[in-house]
Amino acid sequence: MTPTARLFAAAACFAAWLTLLFYGHAAGGAVHLLAAAGLALVPWRASRSAPAPEEP
């Protein structure tokens, strides 16, 4: 899965989590698994900046 696709999937999980939470459908706390899935899907390694080039 590409980093861009993972980012969109994570955003969809967070959006679903917030929507269900604000509408009061907590499902006994199970809705928080969407937040955990969103955190797991975020492409953390791709978000690191590239190292600065060395000057000669």
C-alpha atoms as a PDB file:
ATOM      1  CA  MET A   1       0.000   0.000   0.000  1.00  0.00           C
ATOM      2  CA  THR A   2       1.442   3.368  -0.958  1.00  0.00           C
ATOM      3  CA  PRO A   3       1.963   6.069   1.670  1.00  0.00           C
ATOM      4  CA  THR A   4      -0.681   8.233   0.017  1.00  0.00           C
ATOM      5  CA  ALA A   5      -3.277   5.454   0.156  1.00  0.00           C
ATOM      6  CA  ARG A   6      -2.396   4.792   3.794  1.00  0.00           C
ATOM      7  CA  LEU A   7      -2.809   8.481   4.580  1.00  0.00           C
ATOM      8  CA  PHE A   8      -6.264   8.569   2.982  1.00  0.00           C
ATOM      9  CA  ALA A   9      -7.292   5.388   4.829  1.00  0.00           C
ATOM     10  CA  ALA A  10      -6.107   6.875   8.116  1.00  0.00           C
ATOM     11  CA  ALA A  11      -8.044  10.080   7.442  1.00  0.00           C
ATOM     12  CA  ALA A  12     -11.162   8.031   6.669  1.00  0.00           C
ATOM     13  CA  CYS A  13     -10.785   6.136   9.967  1.00  0.00           C
ATOM     14  CA  PHE A  14     -10.393   9.362  11.932  1.00  0.00           C
ATOM     15  CA  ALA A  15     -13.376  10.936  10.157  1.00  0.00           C
ATOM     16  CA  ALA A  16     -15.559   7.901  10.884  1.00  0.00           C
ATOM     17  CA  TRP A  17     -14.386   7.883  14.500  1.00  0.00           C
ATOM     18  CA  LEU A  18     -15.217  11.550  15.032  1.00  0.00           C
ATOM     19  CA  THR A  19     -18.560  11.250  13.254  1.00  0.00           C
ATOM     20  CA  LEU A  20     -19.695   8.256  15.298  1.00  0.00           C
ATOM     21  CA  LEU A  21     -18.374   9.792  18.502  1.00  0.00           C
ATOM     22  CA  PHE A  22     -20.142  13.127  18.001  1.00  0.00           C
ATOM     23  CA  TYR A  23     -23.403  11.403  17.070  1.00  0.00           C
ATOM     24  CA  GLY A  24     -23.223   9.397  20.299  1.00  0.00           C
ATOM     25  CA  HIS A  25     -22.699   5.929  18.826  1.00  0.00           C
ATOM     26  CA  ALA A  26     -19.858   4.798  21.070  1.00  0.00           C
ATOM     27  CA  ALA A  27     -20.847   1.093  20.873  1.00  0.00           C
ATOM     28  CA  GLY A  28     -19.534   0.465  24.357  1.00  0.00           C
ATOM     29  CA  GLY A  29     -16.188   2.046  23.550  1.00  0.00           C
ATOM     30  CA  ALA A  30     -15.579  -0.074  20.449  1.00  0.00           C
ATOM     31  CA  VAL A  31     -15.672   3.058  18.293  1.00  0.00           C
ATOM     32  CA  HIS A  32     -12.239   3.928  19.657  1.00  0.00           C
ATOM     33  CA  LEU A  33     -10.821   1.034  17.652  1.00  0.00           C
ATOM     34  CA  LEU A  34     -11.274   3.276  14.609  1.00  0.00           C
ATOM     35  CA  ALA A  35      -8.919   5.810  16.181  1.00  0.00           C
ATOM     36  CA  ALA A  36      -6.400   3.059  16.874  1.00  0.00           C
ATOM     37  CA  ALA A  37      -6.705   1.820  13.282  1.00  0.00           C
ATOM     38  CA  GLY A  38      -6.172   5.358  12.042  1.00  0.00           C
ATOM     39  CA  LEU A  39      -2.989   5.688  14.073  1.00  0.00           C
ATOM     40  CA  ALA A  40      -1.774   2.318  12.804  1.00  0.00           C
ATOM     41  CA  LEU A  41      -2.379   3.333   9.181  1.00  0.00           C
ATOM     42  CA  VAL A  42      -0.558   6.675   9.260  1.00  0.00           C
ATOM     43  CA  PRO A  43       2.612   6.349   7.155  1.00  0.00           C
ATOM     44  CA  TRP A  44       4.987   7.467   9.914  1.00  0.00           C
ATOM     45  CA  ARG A  45       8.182   6.546   8.055  1.00  0.00           C
ATOM     46  CA  ALA A  46       7.158   8.447   4.929  1.00  0.00           C
ATOM     47  CA  SER A  47       6.544  11.596   6.956  1.00  0.00           C
ATOM     48  CA  ARG A  48      10.198  11.915   7.966  1.00  0.00           C
ATOM     49  CA  SER A  49      12.059  14.604   6.119  1.00  0.00           C
ATOM     50  CA  ALA A  50      14.962  13.741   3.911  1.00  0.00           C
ATOM     51  CA  PRO A  51      18.410  14.337   5.374  1.00  0.00           C
ATOM     52  CA  ALA A  52      20.070  17.578   4.433  1.00  0.00           C
ATOM     53  CA  PRO A  53      22.553  17.258   1.569  1.00  0.00           C
ATOM     54  CA  GLU A  54      26.181  17.484   2.520  1.00  0.00           C
ATOM     55  CA  GLU A  55      28.118  20.410   1.149  1.00  0.00           C
ATOM     56  CA  PRO A  56      31.436  19.677  -0.549  1.00  0.00           C
END
